[in-house]
Amino acid sequence: MAATALKLFRLSLYLGFTVPMMAVQAALLLAKSPWRATFPRWYHRVCCRILGFRIEVRGEISPKRPTLFVANHTSYIDITVLGAVLDASFVAKHEVARWPFFGWLAKLQRTVFIDRSARNSAVHKQRNAIAERLEAGDRLILFPEGTSNDGLRVLPFKSALFSVAEHRVRGELVPVQPVSVTYARIDGMPIGRALRPFVAWYGGMDLAPHLWELLGLGVITVVIEFHPVVTIAEFGSRKALAEHCRRAVTAGVVAALTGRAPRPAPAPAKAAA
């Protein structure tokens, strides 16, 4: 009964807060207000308090505009926790745009939707859409794994969209910052393999039942580590840049899960694009 009461309390509070805030963000977008980029961060911070997420930030967040943040992907929760610390928009798969409710939230945050199965001219068009946002000074968050997983590992990073790092904005290459997102503890206790499915959303899990169970959990500690900013010039190719980012993100996840201090990921050898 206590768990059900907590679920109902959090759900009602979340919906009661979110629905009017959607109208506020829509108005900011229509008015082209500068607050349209920063308002979502305040919104996500409040949502984290409602849903019971406690965020620990490690490292220095790039202050530059634009910046391309590249992070591992564990769950739809990543949107809320990253949105709470970054005034940035997301790059998401095009299916998200069709999701009821959450698709509307994504559009209000000016998400760039891409089709990862697209080929040739369509891929070029998607890269251009991301590059245009970066050229406008926007900060974007990319999940280069292309899918979510249990959060105990980091999947290979797809390198195709890293080509946007070759663009120059006001004469400078786009800064790229790897970011590790780790769901580390529930009520202070480490989240072991048995509890992972209650936090991570992956495979064939249905969204609604997963969210309902998540609402009944205690306080979830999320460790977000920002690694040193790099540019593609340091690696010579998008593939080498992607691999460096994957290694940095993996090191951060391992450190957060084990409680050990992270070790810098070594730069990979230069690879052909």
Protein backbone atom coordinates (compact mmCIF):
# COMPACT_ATOMS: atom_id res chain seq x y z
CA MET A 1 0.00 0.00 0.00
CA ALA A 2 2.81 2.42 0.85
CA ALA A 3 4.49 1.83 -2.53
CA THR A 4 1.18 2.34 -4.36
CA ALA A 5 0.53 5.56 -2.46
CA LEU A 6 4.00 6.84 -3.37
CA LYS A 7 3.43 5.97 -7.03
CA LEU A 8 0.10 7.78 -7.12
CA PHE A 9 1.49 10.78 -5.26
CA ARG A 10 4.48 11.17 -7.59
CA LEU A 11 2.42 10.60 -10.73
CA SER A 12 -0.25 13.14 -9.78
CA LEU A 13 2.37 15.69 -8.76
CA TYR A 14 4.35 15.14 -11.96
CA LEU A 15 1.33 15.48 -14.24
CA GLY A 16 -0.08 18.41 -12.26
CA PHE A 17 3.23 20.22 -12.67
CA THR A 18 4.11 19.17 -16.22
CA VAL A 19 0.88 19.97 -18.07
CA PRO A 20 0.84 23.72 -17.25
CA MET A 21 4.61 23.93 -17.79
CA MET A 22 4.13 22.55 -21.30
CA ALA A 23 1.89 25.52 -22.03
CA VAL A 24 4.52 27.90 -20.64
CA GLN A 25 7.27 26.42 -22.82
CA ALA A 26 5.00 26.51 -25.88
CA ALA A 27 4.40 30.21 -25.27
CA LEU A 28 8.15 30.83 -24.91
CA LEU A 29 8.78 29.08 -28.21
CA LEU A 30 6.07 31.06 -30.00
CA ALA A 31 7.48 34.30 -28.62
CA LYS A 32 11.04 33.22 -29.52
CA SER A 33 12.02 34.15 -25.99
CA PRO A 34 15.64 33.53 -24.91
CA TRP A 35 14.12 31.71 -21.91
CA ARG A 36 13.00 28.89 -24.22
CA ALA A 37 16.49 27.37 -23.95
CA THR A 38 16.88 27.66 -20.17
CA PHE A 39 13.33 27.09 -18.92
CA PRO A 40 13.49 23.30 -19.57
CA ARG A 41 16.46 22.98 -17.20
CA TRP A 42 14.43 24.47 -14.34
CA TYR A 43 11.51 22.22 -15.29
CA HIS A 44 13.67 19.08 -15.24
CA ARG A 45 15.19 20.04 -11.89
CA VAL A 46 11.76 20.20 -10.33
CA CYS A 47 10.84 16.88 -11.97
CA CYS A 48 13.92 15.27 -10.44
CA ARG A 49 12.75 16.36 -7.00
CA ILE A 50 9.25 15.04 -7.67
CA LEU A 51 10.45 11.69 -9.01
CA GLY A 52 13.13 11.15 -6.37
CA PHE A 53 16.35 11.61 -8.36
CA ARG A 54 19.41 12.94 -6.55
CA ILE A 55 22.10 14.08 -8.97
CA GLU A 56 25.83 14.16 -8.23
CA VAL A 57 27.79 16.17 -10.80
CA ARG A 58 31.48 15.51 -11.32
CA GLY A 59 33.82 17.43 -13.58
CA GLU A 60 33.40 20.78 -15.29
CA ILE A 61 30.55 21.44 -17.72
CA SER A 62 31.61 23.08 -20.96
CA PRO A 63 30.35 26.69 -20.94
CA LYS A 64 30.87 27.07 -24.67
CA ARG A 65 28.14 27.57 -27.23
CA PRO A 66 27.91 25.46 -29.21
CA THR A 67 28.96 22.23 -27.49
CA LEU A 68 28.12 18.68 -28.52
CA PHE A 69 27.66 16.51 -25.42
CA VAL A 70 27.90 12.74 -26.04
CA ALA A 71 26.53 10.44 -23.34
CA ASN A 72 25.74 6.79 -22.68
CA HIS A 73 22.08 5.83 -22.73
CA THR A 74 20.35 3.77 -20.05
CA SER A 75 16.74 4.90 -19.98
CA TYR A 76 14.19 7.56 -20.86
CA ILE A 77 15.14 8.93 -17.43
CA ASP A 78 18.36 10.19 -19.02
CA ILE A 79 16.35 13.04 -20.55
CA THR A 80 15.22 14.31 -17.15
CA VAL A 81 18.54 13.97 -15.33
CA LEU A 82 20.66 15.46 -18.13
CA GLY A 83 18.04 18.12 -18.75
CA ALA A 84 18.32 19.12 -15.09
CA VAL A 85 22.00 20.04 -15.40
CA LEU A 86 22.29 21.22 -19.02
CA ASP A 87 20.45 23.90 -20.93
CA ALA A 88 20.61 21.89 -24.11
CA SER A 89 18.42 20.08 -26.62
CA PHE A 90 18.57 16.38 -27.45
CA VAL A 91 19.22 14.40 -30.60
CA ALA A 92 16.71 11.53 -30.55
CA LYS A 93 15.43 8.80 -32.82
CA HIS A 94 12.48 9.85 -34.95
CA GLU A 95 10.14 7.33 -33.27
CA VAL A 96 10.18 9.48 -30.12
CA ALA A 97 8.35 12.25 -31.97
CA ARG A 98 5.33 9.94 -32.29
CA TRP A 99 5.19 8.94 -28.63
CA PRO A 100 2.10 10.25 -26.85
CA PHE A 101 2.88 12.90 -24.26
CA PHE A 102 6.66 12.29 -24.15
CA GLY A 103 6.88 13.10 -27.86
CA TRP A 104 5.24 16.46 -27.17
CA LEU A 105 7.73 17.12 -24.36
CA ALA A 106 10.60 16.31 -26.71
CA LYS A 107 9.31 18.74 -29.34
CA LEU A 108 8.92 21.48 -26.75
CA GLN A 109 12.59 21.05 -25.86
CA ARG A 110 13.48 21.57 -29.53
CA THR A 111 14.74 18.02 -29.98
CA VAL A 112 16.43 17.14 -33.27
CA PHE A 113 14.83 13.94 -34.54
CA ILE A 114 16.87 11.57 -36.69
CA ASP A 115 16.30 8.26 -38.44
CA ARG A 116 19.29 6.04 -37.66
CA SER A 117 18.28 3.60 -40.39
CA ALA A 118 18.38 6.31 -43.05
CA ARG A 119 20.92 6.14 -45.86
CA ASN A 120 22.83 8.49 -48.12
CA SER A 121 20.96 11.75 -48.80
CA ALA A 122 18.72 11.37 -45.74
CA VAL A 123 21.74 10.96 -43.46
CA HIS A 124 23.36 14.01 -45.05
CA LYS A 125 20.20 16.02 -44.39
CA GLN A 126 20.14 14.92 -40.74
CA ARG A 127 23.77 15.92 -40.27
CA ASN A 128 22.99 19.30 -41.79
CA ALA A 129 20.07 19.76 -39.37
CA ILE A 130 22.37 19.10 -36.40
CA ALA A 131 25.12 21.30 -37.86
CA GLU A 132 22.67 24.18 -38.35
CA ARG A 133 21.67 24.04 -34.70
CA LEU A 134 25.31 24.04 -33.62
CA GLU A 135 26.08 26.94 -35.95
CA ALA A 136 23.24 28.83 -34.28
CA GLY A 137 25.06 28.43 -30.96
CA ASP A 138 22.83 25.69 -29.55
CA ARG A 139 24.13 22.96 -27.26
CA LEU A 140 23.06 19.44 -28.19
CA ILE A 141 23.10 16.07 -26.38
CA LEU A 142 23.77 12.97 -28.48
CA PHE A 143 23.38 9.31 -27.44
CA PRO A 144 25.81 7.66 -29.89
CA GLU A 145 25.11 4.09 -28.74
CA GLY A 146 21.87 4.36 -30.70
CA THR A 147 19.90 2.41 -28.08
CA SER A 148 19.64 2.00 -24.31
CA ASN A 149 21.03 -0.83 -22.17
CA ASP A 150 21.20 -2.00 -18.54
CA GLY A 151 23.69 0.69 -17.51
CA LEU A 152 26.40 -1.75 -16.48
CA ARG A 153 28.28 -1.32 -19.76
CA VAL A 154 28.69 1.12 -22.61
CA LEU A 155 27.90 -0.09 -26.12
CA PRO A 156 30.03 0.85 -29.14
CA PHE A 157 29.50 4.43 -30.28
CA LYS A 158 28.17 4.89 -33.80
CA SER A 159 30.48 7.40 -35.44
CA ALA A 160 28.38 8.71 -38.33
CA LEU A 161 26.97 11.77 -36.56
CA PHE A 162 30.36 12.65 -35.09
CA SER A 163 31.08 14.17 -38.49
CA VAL A 164 29.24 17.30 -37.29
CA ALA A 165 32.31 17.92 -35.12
CA GLU A 166 34.15 18.81 -38.32
CA HIS A 167 32.07 21.97 -38.66
CA ARG A 168 33.55 25.28 -37.67
CA VAL A 169 31.49 27.90 -35.86
CA ARG A 170 32.97 31.39 -35.92
CA GLY A 171 36.22 29.83 -37.09
CA GLU A 172 36.47 27.21 -34.33
CA LEU A 173 35.76 23.49 -34.38
CA VAL A 174 32.72 22.34 -32.40
CA PRO A 175 33.73 21.35 -28.84
CA VAL A 176 32.78 17.77 -27.91
CA GLN A 177 32.34 16.74 -24.27
CA PRO A 178 31.91 13.09 -23.24
CA VAL A 179 29.43 12.57 -20.39
CA SER A 180 28.95 9.49 -18.19
CA VAL A 181 25.49 8.91 -16.71
CA THR A 182 25.35 6.24 -14.00
CA TYR A 183 22.39 5.15 -11.87
CA ALA A 184 24.41 4.23 -8.81
CA ARG A 185 22.27 3.90 -5.66
CA ILE A 186 18.72 3.57 -4.36
CA ASP A 187 18.28 4.98 -0.86
CA GLY A 188 22.05 4.93 -0.49
CA MET A 189 22.44 1.25 -1.42
CA PRO A 190 24.29 0.23 -4.63
CA ILE A 191 22.04 -0.77 -7.51
CA GLY A 192 23.08 -4.35 -8.26
CA ARG A 193 22.30 -6.41 -11.32
CA ALA A 194 18.99 -7.63 -9.84
CA LEU A 195 17.66 -4.06 -9.49
CA ARG A 196 18.87 -2.83 -12.87
CA PRO A 197 15.62 -3.62 -14.74
CA PHE A 198 13.72 -1.34 -12.35
CA VAL A 199 15.88 1.64 -13.33
CA ALA A 200 17.19 0.90 -16.82
CA TRP A 201 14.79 0.67 -19.76
CA TYR A 202 15.99 -1.52 -22.61
CA GLY A 203 15.18 -4.45 -24.84
CA GLY A 204 11.48 -5.19 -25.18
CA MET A 205 10.35 -3.49 -21.97
CA ASP A 206 6.99 -1.72 -22.14
CA LEU A 207 7.19 1.93 -21.17
CA ALA A 208 4.05 2.34 -19.04
CA PRO A 209 4.60 -0.64 -16.66
CA HIS A 210 8.26 0.27 -16.29
CA LEU A 211 7.44 3.88 -15.40
CA TRP A 212 4.82 2.74 -12.88
CA GLU A 213 7.38 0.57 -11.06
CA LEU A 214 9.98 3.34 -11.20
CA LEU A 215 7.61 5.74 -9.44
CA GLY A 216 7.56 3.44 -6.41
CA LEU A 217 11.31 3.33 -5.86
CA GLY A 218 13.11 5.35 -3.22
CA VAL A 219 15.66 8.10 -3.83
CA ILE A 220 17.83 7.25 -6.84
CA THR A 221 21.33 8.70 -6.91
CA VAL A 222 22.55 9.48 -10.41
CA VAL A 223 26.22 10.28 -10.97
CA ILE A 224 26.86 12.50 -13.99
CA GLU A 225 30.51 12.98 -14.88
CA PHE A 226 31.66 15.56 -17.42
CA HIS A 227 34.98 14.62 -19.02
CA PRO A 228 37.50 17.00 -20.60
CA VAL A 229 36.34 18.78 -23.74
CA VAL A 230 38.00 17.71 -26.99
CA THR A 231 37.79 18.52 -30.70
CA ILE A 232 38.08 16.28 -33.72
CA ALA A 233 41.40 17.93 -34.59
CA GLU A 234 43.00 16.01 -31.69
CA PHE A 235 42.11 12.64 -33.22
CA GLY A 236 42.13 13.05 -36.97
CA SER A 237 38.84 11.31 -37.72
CA ARG A 238 35.29 10.94 -36.48
CA LYS A 239 35.86 7.24 -35.73
CA ALA A 240 38.83 7.98 -33.50
CA LEU A 241 36.91 10.77 -31.78
CA ALA A 242 33.95 8.45 -31.18
CA GLU A 243 36.21 5.78 -29.69
CA HIS A 244 37.90 8.26 -27.37
CA CYS A 245 34.51 9.45 -26.14
CA ARG A 246 33.36 5.86 -25.57
CA ARG A 247 36.46 5.10 -23.51
CA ALA A 248 36.05 8.24 -21.41
CA VAL A 249 32.36 7.53 -20.80
CA THR A 250 33.10 3.90 -19.92
CA ALA A 251 35.76 4.94 -17.40
CA GLY A 252 33.27 7.28 -15.74
CA VAL A 253 30.57 4.60 -15.52
CA VAL A 254 32.99 2.06 -14.03
CA ALA A 255 34.22 4.61 -11.49
CA ALA A 256 30.68 5.50 -10.40
CA LEU A 257 29.63 1.85 -10.08
CA THR A 258 32.70 0.77 -8.13
CA GLY A 259 33.21 3.92 -6.08
CA ARG A 260 36.78 4.28 -7.35
CA ALA A 261 38.29 7.47 -8.68
CA PRO A 262 38.06 7.55 -12.49
CA ARG A 263 41.20 7.17 -14.59
CA PRO A 264 41.54 9.24 -17.76
CA ALA A 265 40.81 7.24 -20.89
CA PRO A 266 43.84 6.99 -23.18
CA ALA A 267 43.49 8.58 -26.58
CA PRO A 268 43.12 5.95 -29.30
CA ALA A 269 45.37 5.79 -32.30
CA LYS A 270 44.23 7.87 -35.22
CA ALA A 271 41.88 6.03 -37.55
CA ALA A 272 40.65 6.64 -41.03
CA ALA A 273 37.31 8.36 -41.42
